[in-house]
């Protein structure tokens, strides 16, 4: 799911998605609902959510345990297809569109 668009200096360059990319997936395609390439994965952003639990006592198997948890959301980042096409055009690389 697209969560937001990425821009610098008021120029769209990418797409943030709610699915994180796994190591080694950079360069993989992002498809739109019709199966057309819409972007290309380039990184995963890790955002701290602030729902931290530090040394909270819980009952586990009838014993008190202390647990800690630091919540993050992992969001995939993709280069927008228009940015890819602009790069290919600027560098005289042939590509096809439907």
PDB file of N, CA and C in Angstrom:
ATOM      1  N   UNK A   1       0.844  -1.169   0.000  1.00  0.00           N
ATOM      2  CA  UNK A   1       0.000   0.000   0.000  1.00  0.00           C
ATOM      3  C   UNK A   1       0.894   1.238   0.000  1.00  0.00           C
ATOM      4  N   UNK A   2       0.600   2.190  -0.857  1.00  0.00           N
ATOM      5  CA  UNK A   2       1.327   3.459  -0.893  1.00  0.00           C
ATOM      6  C   UNK A   2       0.918   4.266   0.333  1.00  0.00           C
ATOM      7  N   UNK A   3       1.919   4.700   1.118  1.00  0.00           N
ATOM      8  CA  UNK A   3       1.619   5.496   2.306  1.00  0.00           C
ATOM      9  C   UNK A   3       1.829   6.992   2.075  1.00  0.00           C
ATOM     10  N   UNK A   4       2.792   7.330   1.230  1.00  0.00           N
ATOM     11  CA  UNK A   4       2.980   8.738   0.865  1.00  0.00           C
ATOM     12  C   UNK A   4       3.994   8.828  -0.266  1.00  0.00           C
ATOM     13  N   UNK A   5       4.032  10.001  -0.876  1.00  0.00           N
ATOM     14  CA  UNK A   5       4.993  10.264  -1.937  1.00  0.00           C
ATOM     15  C   UNK A   5       6.188  10.995  -1.343  1.00  0.00           C
ATOM     16  N   UNK A   6       7.363  10.803  -1.949  1.00  0.00           N
ATOM     17  CA  UNK A   6       8.601  11.412  -1.480  1.00  0.00           C
ATOM     18  C   UNK A   6       9.007  12.509  -2.453  1.00  0.00           C
ATOM     19  N   UNK A   7       9.385  13.671  -1.909  1.00  0.00           N
ATOM     20  CA  UNK A   7       9.769  14.799  -2.752  1.00  0.00           C
ATOM     21  C   UNK A   7      10.914  15.561  -2.102  1.00  0.00           C
ATOM     22  N   UNK A   8      11.711  16.191  -2.945  1.00  0.00           N
ATOM     23  CA  UNK A   8      12.754  17.116  -2.515  1.00  0.00           C
ATOM     24  C   UNK A   8      12.617  18.368  -3.356  1.00  0.00           C
ATOM     25  N   UNK A   9      12.692  19.514  -2.706  1.00  0.00           N
ATOM     26  CA  UNK A   9      12.568  20.796  -3.408  1.00  0.00           C
ATOM     27  C   UNK A   9      11.341  20.814  -4.309  1.00  0.00           C
ATOM     28  N   UNK A  10      10.213  20.331  -3.778  1.00  0.00           N
ATOM     29  CA  UNK A  10       8.917  20.284  -4.469  1.00  0.00           C
ATOM     30  C   UNK A  10       8.929  19.439  -5.734  1.00  0.00           C
ATOM     31  N   UNK A  11       9.889  18.509  -5.836  1.00  0.00           N
ATOM     32  CA  UNK A  11       9.915  17.605  -6.987  1.00  0.00           C
ATOM     33  C   UNK A  11       9.745  16.173  -6.507  1.00  0.00           C
ATOM     34  N   UNK A  12       8.701  15.519  -7.029  1.00  0.00           N
ATOM     35  CA  UNK A  12       8.419  14.126  -6.697  1.00  0.00           C
ATOM     36  C   UNK A  12       9.546  13.243  -7.218  1.00  0.00           C
ATOM     37  N   UNK A  13      10.075  12.362  -6.359  1.00  0.00           N
ATOM     38  CA  UNK A  13      11.098  11.428  -6.814  1.00  0.00           C
ATOM     39  C   UNK A  13      10.817   9.996  -6.378  1.00  0.00           C
ATOM     40  N   UNK A  14       9.934   9.812  -5.395  1.00  0.00           N
ATOM     41  CA  UNK A  14       9.759   8.455  -4.896  1.00  0.00           C
ATOM     42  C   UNK A  14       8.418   8.203  -4.258  1.00  0.00           C
ATOM     43  N   UNK A  15       8.289   6.962  -3.797  1.00  0.00           N
ATOM     44  CA  UNK A  15       7.056   6.466  -3.193  1.00  0.00           C
ATOM     45  C   UNK A  15       7.428   5.685  -1.942  1.00  0.00           C
ATOM     46  N   UNK A  16       6.711   5.938  -0.861  1.00  0.00           N
ATOM     47  CA  UNK A  16       6.886   5.154   0.362  1.00  0.00           C
ATOM     48  C   UNK A  16       5.744   4.154   0.422  1.00  0.00           C
ATOM     49  N   UNK A  17       6.078   2.891   0.753  1.00  0.00           N
ATOM     50  CA  UNK A  17       5.055   1.856   0.827  1.00  0.00           C
ATOM     51  C   UNK A  17       5.079   1.202   2.200  1.00  0.00           C
ATOM     52  N   UNK A  18       3.941   0.654   2.597  1.00  0.00           N
ATOM     53  CA  UNK A  18       3.833   0.070   3.934  1.00  0.00           C
ATOM     54  C   UNK A  18       4.527  -1.286   4.046  1.00  0.00           C
ATOM     55  N   UNK A  19       4.970  -1.836   2.934  1.00  0.00           N
ATOM     56  CA  UNK A  19       5.678  -3.113   2.952  1.00  0.00           C
ATOM     57  C   UNK A  19       7.179  -2.860   2.989  1.00  0.00           C
ATOM     58  N   UNK A  20       7.884  -3.387   3.994  1.00  0.00           N
ATOM     59  CA  UNK A  20       9.333  -3.177   4.020  1.00  0.00           C
ATOM     60  C   UNK A  20      10.023  -4.033   2.980  1.00  0.00           C
ATOM     61  N   UNK A  21      11.120  -3.523   2.457  1.00  0.00           N
ATOM     62  CA  UNK A  21      11.956  -4.343   1.591  1.00  0.00           C
ATOM     63  C   UNK A  21      12.907  -5.146   2.454  1.00  0.00           C
ATOM     64  N   UNK A  22      13.169  -6.361   2.054  1.00  0.00           N
ATOM     65  CA  UNK A  22      14.130  -7.190   2.755  1.00  0.00           C
ATOM     66  C   UNK A  22      15.505  -7.004   2.127  1.00  0.00           C
ATOM     67  N   UNK A  23      16.547  -7.346   2.866  1.00  0.00           N
ATOM     68  CA  UNK A  23      17.892  -7.215   2.324  1.00  0.00           C
ATOM     69  C   UNK A  23      17.980  -7.966   1.007  1.00  0.00           C
ATOM     70  N   UNK A  24      18.566  -7.313   0.020  1.00  0.00           N
ATOM     71  CA  UNK A  24      18.716  -7.918  -1.298  1.00  0.00           C
ATOM     72  C   UNK A  24      17.587  -7.602  -2.262  1.00  0.00           C
ATOM     73  N   UNK A  25      16.531  -6.925  -1.799  1.00  0.00           N
ATOM     74  CA  UNK A  25      15.410  -6.628  -2.689  1.00  0.00           C
ATOM     75  C   UNK A  25      15.537  -5.285  -3.403  1.00  0.00           C
ATOM     76  N   UNK A  26      16.536  -4.502  -3.069  1.00  0.00           N
ATOM     77  CA  UNK A  26      16.723  -3.237  -3.778  1.00  0.00           C
ATOM     78  C   UNK A  26      16.893  -3.522  -5.262  1.00  0.00           C
ATOM     79  N   UNK A  27      16.250  -2.711  -6.075  1.00  0.00           N
ATOM     80  CA  UNK A  27      16.265  -2.920  -7.515  1.00  0.00           C
ATOM     81  C   UNK A  27      15.051  -3.685  -8.003  1.00  0.00           C
ATOM     82  N   UNK A  28      14.259  -4.219  -7.070  1.00  0.00           N
ATOM     83  CA  UNK A  28      13.051  -4.947  -7.448  1.00  0.00           C
ATOM     84  C   UNK A  28      11.938  -3.985  -7.838  1.00  0.00           C
ATOM     85  N   UNK A  29      11.001  -4.438  -8.680  1.00  0.00           N
ATOM     86  CA  UNK A  29       9.943  -3.556  -9.166  1.00  0.00           C
ATOM     87  C   UNK A  29       8.803  -3.356  -8.167  1.00  0.00           C
ATOM     88  N   UNK A  30       8.175  -2.200  -8.266  1.00  0.00           N
ATOM     89  CA  UNK A  30       6.903  -1.907  -7.614  1.00  0.00           C
ATOM     90  C   UNK A  30       5.885  -1.821  -8.738  1.00  0.00           C
ATOM     91  N   UNK A  31       4.828  -2.631  -8.661  1.00  0.00           N
ATOM     92  CA  UNK A  31       3.815  -2.655  -9.718  1.00  0.00           C
ATOM     93  C   UNK A  31       2.571  -1.900  -9.279  1.00  0.00           C
ATOM     94  N   UNK A  32       1.872  -1.290 -10.244  1.00  0.00           N
ATOM     95  CA  UNK A  32       0.567  -0.704  -9.942  1.00  0.00           C
ATOM     96  C   UNK A  32      -0.494  -1.797 -10.050  1.00  0.00           C
ATOM     97  N   UNK A  33      -1.754  -1.441  -9.877  1.00  0.00           N
ATOM     98  CA  UNK A  33      -2.826  -2.439  -9.847  1.00  0.00           C
ATOM     99  C   UNK A  33      -3.041  -3.134 -11.197  1.00  0.00           C
ATOM    100  N   UNK A  34      -2.519  -2.559 -12.284  1.00  0.00           N
ATOM    101  CA  UNK A  34      -2.637  -3.188 -13.607  1.00  0.00           C
ATOM    102  C   UNK A  34      -1.404  -4.017 -13.966  1.00  0.00           C
ATOM    103  N   UNK A  35      -0.450  -4.129 -13.050  1.00  0.00           N
ATOM    104  CA  UNK A  35       0.750  -4.913 -13.314  1.00  0.00           C
ATOM    105  C   UNK A  35       1.835  -4.167 -14.061  1.00  0.00           C
ATOM    106  N   UNK A  36       1.705  -2.851 -14.168  1.00  0.00           N
ATOM    107  CA  UNK A  36       2.706  -2.018 -14.841  1.00  0.00           C
ATOM    108  C   UNK A  36       3.713  -1.536 -13.799  1.00  0.00           C
ATOM    109  N   UNK A  37       4.993  -1.507 -14.166  1.00  0.00           N
ATOM    110  CA  UNK A  37       6.027  -1.038 -13.238  1.00  0.00           C
ATOM    111  C   UNK A  37       5.755   0.421 -12.893  1.00  0.00           C
ATOM    112  N   UNK A  38       5.681   0.703 -11.592  1.00  0.00           N
ATOM    113  CA  UNK A  38       5.362   2.029 -11.060  1.00  0.00           C
ATOM    114  C   UNK A  38       6.557   2.634 -10.338  1.00  0.00           C
ATOM    115  N   UNK A  39       7.545   1.793  -9.999  1.00  0.00           N
ATOM    116  CA  UNK A  39       8.724   2.267  -9.291  1.00  0.00           C
ATOM    117  C   UNK A  39       9.699   1.127  -9.073  1.00  0.00           C
ATOM    118  N   UNK A  40      10.789   1.443  -8.347  1.00  0.00           N
ATOM    119  CA  UNK A  40      11.824   0.458  -8.062  1.00  0.00           C
ATOM    120  C   UNK A  40      12.291   0.630  -6.615  1.00  0.00           C
ATOM    121  N   UNK A  41      12.282  -0.461  -5.861  1.00  0.00           N
ATOM    122  CA  UNK A  41      12.709  -0.449  -4.453  1.00  0.00           C
ATOM    123  C   UNK A  41      14.152   0.018  -4.334  1.00  0.00           C
ATOM    124  N   UNK A  42      14.422   0.963  -3.395  1.00  0.00           N
ATOM    125  CA  UNK A  42      15.810   1.356  -3.193  1.00  0.00           C
ATOM    126  C   UNK A  42      16.245   1.312  -1.733  1.00  0.00           C
ATOM    127  N   UNK A  43      15.317   1.272  -0.792  1.00  0.00           N
ATOM    128  CA  UNK A  43      15.722   1.183   0.619  1.00  0.00           C
ATOM    129  C   UNK A  43      14.522   0.872   1.498  1.00  0.00           C
ATOM    130  N   UNK A  44      14.813   0.632   2.772  1.00  0.00           N
ATOM    131  CA  UNK A  44      13.779   0.491   3.784  1.00  0.00           C
ATOM    132  C   UNK A  44      14.079   1.487   4.895  1.00  0.00           C
ATOM    133  N   UNK A  45      13.074   2.275   5.256  1.00  0.00           N
ATOM    134  CA  UNK A  45      13.194   3.263   6.325  1.00  0.00           C
ATOM    135  C   UNK A  45      12.655   2.645   7.610  1.00  0.00           C
ATOM    136  N   UNK A  46      13.342   2.888   8.719  1.00  0.00           N
ATOM    137  CA  UNK A  46      12.939   2.362  10.021  1.00  0.00           C
ATOM    138  C   UNK A  46      12.571   3.540  10.923  1.00  0.00           C
ATOM    139  N   UNK A  47      11.290   3.693  11.222  1.00  0.00           N
ATOM    140  CA  UNK A  47      10.819   4.816  12.036  1.00  0.00           C
ATOM    141  C   UNK A  47      10.442   4.336  13.438  1.00  0.00           C
ATOM    142  N   UNK A  48      11.024   4.977  14.431  1.00  0.00           N
ATOM    143  CA  UNK A  48      10.703   4.670  15.822  1.00  0.00           C
ATOM    144  C   UNK A  48       9.305   5.182  16.124  1.00  0.00           C
ATOM    145  N   UNK A  49       8.452   4.330  16.689  1.00  0.00           N
ATOM    146  CA  UNK A  49       7.055   4.694  16.920  1.00  0.00           C
ATOM    147  C   UNK A  49       6.798   5.321  18.289  1.00  0.00           C
ATOM    148  N   UNK A  50       7.729   5.161  19.226  1.00  0.00           N
ATOM    149  CA  UNK A  50       7.554   5.769  20.540  1.00  0.00           C
ATOM    150  C   UNK A  50       6.663   4.992  21.491  1.00  0.00           C
ATOM    151  N   UNK A  51       6.357   3.736  21.184  1.00  0.00           N
ATOM    152  CA  UNK A  51       5.554   2.907  22.069  1.00  0.00           C
ATOM    153  C   UNK A  51       6.453   1.996  22.897  1.00  0.00           C
ATOM    154  N   UNK A  52       7.505   2.550  23.453  1.00  0.00           N
ATOM    155  CA  UNK A  52       8.501   1.742  24.148  1.00  0.00           C
ATOM    156  C   UNK A  52       7.973   1.161  25.459  1.00  0.00           C
ATOM    157  N   UNK A  53       8.397  -0.055  25.715  1.00  0.00           N
ATOM    158  CA  UNK A  53       8.133  -0.734  26.983  1.00  0.00           C
ATOM    159  C   UNK A  53       9.506  -1.083  27.541  1.00  0.00           C
ATOM    160  N   UNK A  54       9.811  -0.572  28.722  1.00  0.00           N
ATOM    161  CA  UNK A  54      11.130  -0.795  29.304  1.00  0.00           C
ATOM    162  C   UNK A  54      10.976  -1.485  30.657  1.00  0.00           C
ATOM    163  N   UNK A  55      11.519  -2.684  30.739  1.00  0.00           N
ATOM    164  CA  UNK A  55      11.519  -3.485  31.959  1.00  0.00           C
ATOM    165  C   UNK A  55      10.145  -3.557  32.622  1.00  0.00           C
ATOM    166  N   UNK A  56       9.140  -3.833  31.807  1.00  0.00           N
ATOM    167  CA  UNK A  56       7.775  -4.007  32.328  1.00  0.00           C
ATOM    168  C   UNK A  56       7.646  -5.419  32.873  1.00  0.00           C
ATOM    169  N   UNK A  57       7.064  -5.521  34.049  1.00  0.00           N
ATOM    170  CA  UNK A  57       6.852  -6.844  34.647  1.00  0.00           C
ATOM    171  C   UNK A  57       5.585  -7.464  34.080  1.00  0.00           C
ATOM    172  N   UNK A  58       5.728  -8.707  33.617  1.00  0.00           N
ATOM    173  CA  UNK A  58       4.582  -9.466  33.122  1.00  0.00           C
ATOM    174  C   UNK A  58       4.606 -10.843  33.770  1.00  0.00           C
ATOM    175  N   UNK A  59       3.473 -11.486  33.768  1.00  0.00           N
ATOM    176  CA  UNK A  59       3.378 -12.843  34.284  1.00  0.00           C
ATOM    177  C   UNK A  59       3.479 -13.806  33.099  1.00  0.00           C
ATOM    178  N   UNK A  60       4.502 -14.645  33.100  1.00  0.00           N
ATOM    179  CA  UNK A  60       4.740 -15.592  32.020  1.00  0.00           C
ATOM    180  C   UNK A  60       5.018 -16.956  32.624  1.00  0.00           C
ATOM    181  N   UNK A  61       4.162 -17.924  32.304  1.00  0.00           N
ATOM    182  CA  UNK A  61       4.290 -19.276  32.876  1.00  0.00           C
ATOM    183  C   UNK A  61       4.329 -19.228  34.411  1.00  0.00           C
ATOM    184  N   UNK A  62       3.447 -18.415  34.977  1.00  0.00           N
ATOM    185  CA  UNK A  62       3.322 -18.262  36.437  1.00  0.00           C
ATOM    186  C   UNK A  62       4.567 -17.690  37.101  1.00  0.00           C
ATOM    187  N   UNK A  63       5.399 -16.991  36.321  1.00  0.00           N
ATOM    188  CA  UNK A  63       6.587 -16.341  36.878  1.00  0.00           C
ATOM    189  C   UNK A  63       6.619 -14.892  36.405  1.00  0.00           C
ATOM    190  N   UNK A  64       7.070 -14.016  37.262  1.00  0.00           N
ATOM    191  CA  UNK A  64       7.229 -12.604  36.895  1.00  0.00           C
ATOM    192  C   UNK A  64       8.501 -12.469  36.047  1.00  0.00           C
ATOM    193  N   UNK A  65       8.345 -11.845  34.875  1.00  0.00           N
ATOM    194  CA  UNK A  65       9.474 -11.578  33.980  1.00  0.00           C
ATOM    195  C   UNK A  65       9.474 -10.095  33.659  1.00  0.00           C
ATOM    196  N   UNK A  66      10.655  -9.544  33.432  1.00  0.00           N
ATOM    197  CA  UNK A  66      10.765  -8.169  32.963  1.00  0.00           C
ATOM    198  C   UNK A  66      11.055  -8.200  31.465  1.00  0.00           C
ATOM    199  N   UNK A  67      10.282  -7.409  30.722  1.00  0.00           N
ATOM    200  CA  UNK A  67      10.463  -7.360  29.271  1.00  0.00           C
ATOM    201  C   UNK A  67      10.646  -5.916  28.818  1.00  0.00           C
ATOM    202  N   UNK A  68      11.327  -5.780  27.689  1.00  0.00           N
ATOM    203  CA  UNK A  68      11.485  -4.478  27.041  1.00  0.00           C
ATOM    204  C   UNK A  68      11.170  -4.649  25.558  1.00  0.00           C
ATOM    205  N   UNK A  69      10.579  -3.620  24.976  1.00  0.00           N
ATOM    206  CA  UNK A  69      10.268  -3.651  23.551  1.00  0.00           C
ATOM    207  C   UNK A  69      10.332  -2.227  23.012  1.00  0.00           C
ATOM    208  N   UNK A  70      10.989  -2.072  21.887  1.00  0.00           N
ATOM    209  CA  UNK A  70      11.113  -0.777  21.226  1.00  0.00           C
ATOM    210  C   UNK A  70      10.508  -0.921  19.838  1.00  0.00           C
ATOM    211  N   UNK A  71       9.352  -0.303  19.624  1.00  0.00           N
ATOM    212  CA  UNK A  71       8.590  -0.499  18.388  1.00  0.00           C
ATOM    213  C   UNK A  71       9.080   0.398  17.257  1.00  0.00           C
ATOM    214  N   UNK A  72       9.218  -0.220  16.094  1.00  0.00           N
ATOM    215  CA  UNK A  72       9.561   0.488  14.867  1.00  0.00           C
ATOM    216  C   UNK A  72       8.595   0.056  13.778  1.00  0.00           C
ATOM    217  N   UNK A  73       8.401   0.940  12.796  1.00  0.00           N
ATOM    218  CA  UNK A  73       7.702   0.554  11.579  1.00  0.00           C
ATOM    219  C   UNK A  73       8.746   0.562  10.472  1.00  0.00           C
ATOM    220  N   UNK A  74       8.658  -0.412   9.596  1.00  0.00           N
ATOM    221  CA  UNK A  74       9.623  -0.559   8.514  1.00  0.00           C
ATOM    222  C   UNK A  74       8.892  -0.300   7.198  1.00  0.00           C
ATOM    223  N   UNK A  75       9.294   0.746   6.489  1.00  0.00           N
ATOM    224  CA  UNK A  75       8.614   1.187   5.276  1.00  0.00           C
ATOM    225  C   UNK A  75       9.538   1.100   4.076  1.00  0.00           C
ATOM    226  N   UNK A  76       9.059   0.498   3.000  1.00  0.00           N
ATOM    227  CA  UNK A  76       9.841   0.438   1.773  1.00  0.00           C
ATOM    228  C   UNK A  76       9.858   1.797   1.092  1.00  0.00           C
ATOM    229  N   UNK A  77      10.962   2.083   0.421  1.00  0.00           N
ATOM    230  CA  UNK A  77      11.070   3.314  -0.360  1.00  0.00           C
ATOM    231  C   UNK A  77      11.412   2.935  -1.793  1.00  0.00           C
ATOM    232  N   UNK A  78      10.696   3.544  -2.729  1.00  0.00           N
ATOM    233  CA  UNK A  78      10.864   3.238  -4.149  1.00  0.00           C
ATOM    234  C   UNK A  78      11.098   4.521  -4.940  1.00  0.00           C
ATOM    235  N   UNK A  79      11.926   4.407  -5.969  1.00  0.00           N
ATOM    236  CA  UNK A  79      12.090   5.501  -6.925  1.00  0.00           C
ATOM    237  C   UNK A  79      10.859   5.492  -7.825  1.00  0.00           C
ATOM    238  N   UNK A  80      10.250   6.654  -8.023  1.00  0.00           N
ATOM    239  CA  UNK A  80       9.064   6.768  -8.874  1.00  0.00           C
ATOM    240  C   UNK A  80       9.444   6.509 -10.328  1.00  0.00           C
ATOM    241  N   UNK A  81       8.552   5.883 -11.081  1.00  0.00           N
ATOM    242  CA  UNK A  81       8.818   5.536 -12.476  1.00  0.00           C
ATOM    243  C   UNK A  81       9.163   6.761 -13.317  1.00  0.00           C
ATOM    244  N   UNK A  82       8.569   7.910 -13.045  1.00  0.00           N
ATOM    245  CA  UNK A  82       8.890   9.117 -13.814  1.00  0.00           C
ATOM    246  C   UNK A  82      10.344   9.539 -13.608  1.00  0.00           C
ATOM    247  N   UNK A  83      10.868   9.352 -12.403  1.00  0.00           N
ATOM    248  CA  UNK A  83      12.267   9.658 -12.116  1.00  0.00           C
ATOM    249  C   UNK A  83      13.183   8.694 -12.869  1.00  0.00           C
ATOM    250  N   UNK A  84      12.785   7.426 -12.924  1.00  0.00           N
ATOM    251  CA  UNK A  84      13.565   6.427 -13.675  1.00  0.00           C
ATOM    252  C   UNK A  84      13.584   6.791 -15.162  1.00  0.00           C
ATOM    253  N   UNK A  85      12.414   7.116 -15.715  1.00  0.00           N
ATOM    254  CA  UNK A  85      12.334   7.471 -17.138  1.00  0.00           C
ATOM    255  C   UNK A  85      13.149   8.721 -17.444  1.00  0.00           C
ATOM    256  N   UNK A  86      13.117   9.702 -16.541  1.00  0.00           N
ATOM    257  CA  UNK A  86      13.906  10.924 -16.731  1.00  0.00           C
ATOM    258  C   UNK A  86      15.399  10.597 -16.763  1.00  0.00           C
ATOM    259  N   UNK A  87      15.845   9.740 -15.843  1.00  0.00           N
ATOM    260  CA  UNK A  87      17.251   9.337 -15.799  1.00  0.00           C
ATOM    261  C   UNK A  87      17.654   8.613 -17.094  1.00  0.00           C
ATOM    262  N   UNK A  88      16.814   7.676 -17.539  1.00  0.00           N
ATOM    263  CA  UNK A  88      17.117   6.934 -18.767  1.00  0.00           C
ATOM    264  C   UNK A  88      17.171   7.863 -19.981  1.00  0.00           C
ATOM    265  N   UNK A  89      16.237   8.787 -20.071  1.00  0.00           N
ATOM    266  CA  UNK A  89      16.203   9.741 -21.182  1.00  0.00           C
ATOM    267  C   UNK A  89      17.446  10.632 -21.158  1.00  0.00           C
ATOM    268  N   UNK A  90      17.785  11.165 -19.978  1.00  0.00           N
ATOM    269  CA  UNK A  90      18.965  12.040 -19.853  1.00  0.00           C
ATOM    270  C   UNK A  90      20.255  11.329 -20.236  1.00  0.00           C
ATOM    271  N   UNK A  91      20.287  10.012 -20.079  1.00  0.00           N
ATOM    272  CA  UNK A  91      21.496   9.241 -20.367  1.00  0.00           C
ATOM    273  C   UNK A  91      21.391   8.435 -21.662  1.00  0.00           C
ATOM    274  N   UNK A  92      20.430   8.815 -22.504  1.00  0.00           N
ATOM    275  CA  UNK A  92      20.250   8.197 -23.821  1.00  0.00           C
ATOM    276  C   UNK A  92      20.132   6.674 -23.761  1.00  0.00           C
ATOM    277  N   UNK A  93      19.400   6.192 -22.763  1.00  0.00           N
ATOM    278  CA  UNK A  93      19.153   4.761 -22.639  1.00  0.00           C
ATOM    279  C   UNK A  93      17.766   4.476 -23.214  1.00  0.00           C
ATOM    280  N   UNK A  94      17.703   3.540 -24.157  1.00  0.00           N
ATOM    281  CA  UNK A  94      16.446   3.197 -24.810  1.00  0.00           C
ATOM    282  C   UNK A  94      15.546   2.400 -23.861  1.00  0.00           C
ATOM    283  N   UNK A  95      14.269   2.742 -23.819  1.00  0.00           N
ATOM    284  CA  UNK A  95      13.279   1.993 -23.050  1.00  0.00           C
ATOM    285  C   UNK A  95      11.945   2.064 -23.760  1.00  0.00           C
ATOM    286  N   UNK A  96      11.037   1.179 -23.377  1.00  0.00           N
ATOM    287  CA  UNK A  96       9.735   1.099 -24.032  1.00  0.00           C
ATOM    288  C   UNK A  96       8.623   1.371 -23.039  1.00  0.00           C
ATOM    289  N   UNK A  97       7.563   1.993 -23.542  1.00  0.00           N
ATOM    290  CA  UNK A  97       6.379   2.281 -22.740  1.00  0.00           C
ATOM    291  C   UNK A  97       5.154   1.762 -23.486  1.00  0.00           C
ATOM    292  N   UNK A  98       4.120   1.443 -22.720  1.00  0.00           N
ATOM    293  CA  UNK A  98       2.846   1.064 -23.349  1.00  0.00           C
ATOM    294  C   UNK A  98       1.898   2.224 -23.276  1.00  0.00           C
TER     295      UNK A  98
END
